[in-house]
């Protein structure tokens, strides 16, 4: 598990500062103590089999985590919601760095590649770091779109059939994209 160190400003980090830890949390190659969110990462890796995880405190995702009740899902207002393979649920609040937060995040990710953490932020999973990061960016965008629409009135929500159609269209689109060698 490659994870940022605890207590260092992100702006000054280099690749050398990112520590490597085994899936049981033991340091493999780490100069600094790991992020306090290591238990979250370990729980999500164990539950999902993900190749990579991105955890953020991005503003729109965090704001929406305050509005959607824990256990419920972010209403799918755009077809990009289909990129997550399932509902984007909100995990119940638990203090950061706790095994309880990790367990709640893992449970919220069941059948999905993204979740919000109540009063905290977001987590996405992917086959690799690029996919997990892309999903984190899309999740933030979806949350921002929802918040903007909700500021004017109740957003229209896509139905299950519409999301299934979007998922099929997105899958064929992804398969057709050029790939780097």
Protein backbone atom coordinates (compact mmCIF):
# COMPACT_ATOMS: atom_id res chain seq x y z
CA UNK A 1 0.00 0.00 0.00
CA UNK A 2 1.52 3.30 -1.09
CA UNK A 3 0.21 5.99 1.24
CA UNK A 4 1.07 9.58 2.02
CA UNK A 5 2.83 10.29 5.30
CA UNK A 6 1.14 11.75 8.34
CA UNK A 7 1.72 15.36 9.28
CA UNK A 8 3.54 16.56 6.17
CA UNK A 9 2.14 19.24 3.87
CA UNK A 10 1.07 17.69 0.56
CA UNK A 11 2.48 20.61 -1.42
CA UNK A 12 6.02 19.68 -0.44
CA UNK A 13 5.75 15.91 -0.88
CA UNK A 14 7.85 13.99 -3.35
CA UNK A 15 7.53 10.36 -4.43
CA UNK A 16 10.26 9.43 -1.95
CA UNK A 17 8.06 10.66 0.93
CA UNK A 18 5.22 8.26 0.07
CA UNK A 19 5.58 5.19 2.25
CA UNK A 20 5.00 1.58 1.31
CA UNK A 21 3.18 -0.67 3.77
CA UNK A 22 2.08 -4.28 3.59
CA UNK A 23 -1.61 -5.18 3.60
CA UNK A 24 -1.33 -5.85 7.34
CA UNK A 25 -0.07 -2.28 7.85
CA UNK A 26 3.60 -3.06 8.50
CA UNK A 27 6.07 -0.58 7.04
CA UNK A 28 7.93 -2.02 4.06
CA UNK A 29 9.71 1.12 2.86
CA UNK A 30 8.60 4.22 4.75
CA UNK A 31 10.62 7.11 6.11
CA UNK A 32 7.65 8.68 7.89
CA UNK A 33 4.62 7.44 9.81
CA UNK A 34 1.71 6.65 7.47
CA UNK A 35 -1.41 8.73 7.13
CA UNK A 36 -3.85 8.32 9.98
CA UNK A 37 -6.17 6.88 7.33
CA UNK A 38 -4.09 3.71 6.88
CA UNK A 39 -6.82 1.64 8.64
CA UNK A 40 -9.36 2.97 6.12
CA UNK A 41 -7.15 1.95 3.20
CA UNK A 42 -6.41 -1.49 4.65
CA UNK A 43 -10.10 -2.22 5.29
CA UNK A 44 -11.08 -1.12 1.80
CA UNK A 45 -8.31 -3.16 0.14
CA UNK A 46 -9.33 -6.23 2.15
CA UNK A 47 -13.03 -5.86 1.33
CA UNK A 48 -12.83 -4.86 -2.32
CA UNK A 49 -9.67 -6.35 -3.79
CA UNK A 50 -9.03 -2.96 -5.38
CA UNK A 51 -5.74 -2.27 -7.07
CA UNK A 52 -5.77 1.31 -5.79
CA UNK A 53 -7.74 3.62 -3.53
CA UNK A 54 -8.12 7.40 -3.57
CA UNK A 55 -9.42 9.10 -0.43
CA UNK A 56 -10.15 12.83 -0.53
CA UNK A 57 -11.67 15.63 1.48
CA UNK A 58 -12.80 17.41 -1.68
CA UNK A 59 -15.32 20.21 -1.06
CA UNK A 60 -18.38 19.07 -3.02
CA UNK A 61 -18.14 15.43 -1.89
CA UNK A 62 -17.65 16.51 1.71
CA UNK A 63 -20.56 18.97 1.50
CA UNK A 64 -22.87 16.35 0.02
CA UNK A 65 -21.81 13.89 2.74
CA UNK A 66 -23.51 16.31 5.15
CA UNK A 67 -26.80 16.29 3.23
CA UNK A 68 -27.39 12.68 2.19
CA UNK A 69 -28.24 10.56 5.24
CA UNK A 70 -25.79 7.76 6.10
CA UNK A 71 -26.82 4.48 4.57
CA UNK A 72 -28.55 6.21 1.67
CA UNK A 73 -27.10 6.81 -1.78
CA UNK A 74 -26.32 9.98 -3.70
CA UNK A 75 -29.26 10.38 -6.09
CA UNK A 76 -28.06 9.66 -9.65
CA UNK A 77 -28.67 12.95 -11.44
CA UNK A 78 -26.23 12.37 -14.31
CA UNK A 79 -25.37 9.30 -16.35
CA UNK A 80 -21.78 9.41 -15.06
CA UNK A 81 -23.17 7.84 -11.88
CA UNK A 82 -23.20 4.60 -13.89
CA UNK A 83 -19.37 4.65 -13.92
CA UNK A 84 -19.44 3.47 -10.31
CA UNK A 85 -21.19 0.18 -11.03
CA UNK A 86 -23.64 0.68 -8.20
CA UNK A 87 -25.03 3.25 -5.80
CA UNK A 88 -22.70 5.86 -4.33
CA UNK A 89 -23.64 5.33 -0.68
CA UNK A 90 -22.85 7.49 2.33
CA UNK A 91 -21.03 5.63 5.09
CA UNK A 92 -21.97 6.54 8.67
CA UNK A 93 -19.69 8.95 10.51
CA UNK A 94 -16.81 7.55 12.55
CA UNK A 95 -13.70 9.43 13.70
CA UNK A 96 -10.83 9.50 11.21
CA UNK A 97 -8.14 6.89 11.60
CA UNK A 98 -10.41 4.35 13.28
CA UNK A 99 -11.11 0.76 12.25
CA UNK A 100 -14.82 1.63 12.45
CA UNK A 101 -14.42 4.20 9.68
CA UNK A 102 -12.60 1.64 7.57
CA UNK A 103 -15.35 -0.93 8.10
CA UNK A 104 -18.06 1.62 7.30
CA UNK A 105 -16.27 2.71 4.11
CA UNK A 106 -15.79 -0.89 3.01
CA UNK A 107 -19.48 -1.63 3.61
CA UNK A 108 -20.56 1.48 1.67
CA UNK A 109 -18.41 0.36 -1.27
CA UNK A 110 -20.21 -2.98 -1.59
CA UNK A 111 -21.06 -3.28 -5.28
CA UNK A 112 -19.73 0.20 -6.05
CA UNK A 113 -16.46 1.91 -6.86
CA UNK A 114 -17.20 5.08 -4.89
CA UNK A 115 -18.66 6.17 -1.58
CA UNK A 116 -18.99 9.26 0.57
CA UNK A 117 -17.94 9.26 4.20
CA UNK A 118 -20.38 11.24 6.34
CA UNK A 119 -18.90 14.50 7.65
CA UNK A 120 -15.55 13.53 6.13
CA UNK A 121 -15.04 13.11 2.38
CA UNK A 122 -14.98 10.45 -0.30
CA UNK A 123 -13.28 7.22 -1.29
CA UNK A 124 -12.98 5.59 -4.72
CA UNK A 125 -11.45 2.31 -5.83
CA UNK A 126 -10.03 1.18 -9.14
CA UNK A 127 -7.94 -1.44 -10.83
CA UNK A 128 -5.00 0.97 -10.63
CA UNK A 129 -4.16 4.45 -9.38
CA UNK A 130 -5.19 6.14 -12.64
CA UNK A 131 -8.67 4.60 -12.53
CA UNK A 132 -9.19 5.34 -8.83
CA UNK A 133 -8.10 8.96 -9.41
CA UNK A 134 -10.36 9.34 -12.46
CA UNK A 135 -13.29 8.07 -10.40
CA UNK A 136 -12.44 10.49 -7.56
CA UNK A 137 -12.52 13.38 -10.04
CA UNK A 138 -15.83 12.18 -11.50
CA UNK A 139 -17.32 11.69 -8.03
CA UNK A 140 -16.39 15.24 -7.04
CA UNK A 141 -17.96 16.51 -10.29
CA UNK A 142 -21.17 14.51 -9.68
CA UNK A 143 -21.43 15.89 -6.14
CA UNK A 144 -20.89 19.43 -7.42
CA UNK A 145 -23.57 19.02 -10.10
CA UNK A 146 -26.01 17.66 -7.53
CA UNK A 147 -25.34 20.54 -5.12
CA UNK A 148 -25.77 23.16 -7.86
CA UNK A 149 -29.04 21.63 -9.03
CA UNK A 150 -30.35 21.21 -5.47
CA UNK A 151 -29.67 24.90 -4.79
CA UNK A 152 -32.41 25.72 -7.30
CA UNK A 153 -34.86 22.91 -6.57
CA UNK A 154 -35.14 19.15 -6.25
CA UNK A 155 -32.93 17.56 -8.94
CA UNK A 156 -34.46 15.14 -11.43
CA UNK A 157 -33.09 11.64 -10.84
CA UNK A 158 -32.30 8.95 -13.40
CA UNK A 159 -34.14 5.67 -13.05
CA UNK A 160 -32.54 2.20 -12.85
CA UNK A 161 -33.21 1.47 -16.54
CA UNK A 162 -31.59 4.73 -17.57
CA UNK A 163 -28.52 3.96 -15.47
CA UNK A 164 -28.26 0.47 -17.00
CA UNK A 165 -28.37 2.00 -20.49
CA UNK A 166 -25.71 4.51 -19.48
CA UNK A 167 -23.50 1.77 -18.04
CA UNK A 168 -23.68 -0.19 -21.30
CA UNK A 169 -22.93 2.91 -23.38
CA UNK A 170 -20.03 3.91 -21.13
CA UNK A 171 -18.58 0.39 -21.30
CA UNK A 172 -18.56 0.40 -25.10
CA UNK A 173 -17.12 3.92 -25.11
CA UNK A 174 -14.30 2.91 -22.75
CA UNK A 175 -13.53 -0.16 -24.85
CA UNK A 176 -13.21 2.05 -27.94
CA UNK A 177 -10.85 4.62 -26.40
CA UNK A 178 -7.22 4.59 -27.52
CA UNK A 179 -4.90 3.00 -24.99
CA UNK A 180 -1.34 3.98 -24.20
CA UNK A 181 1.25 1.32 -24.95
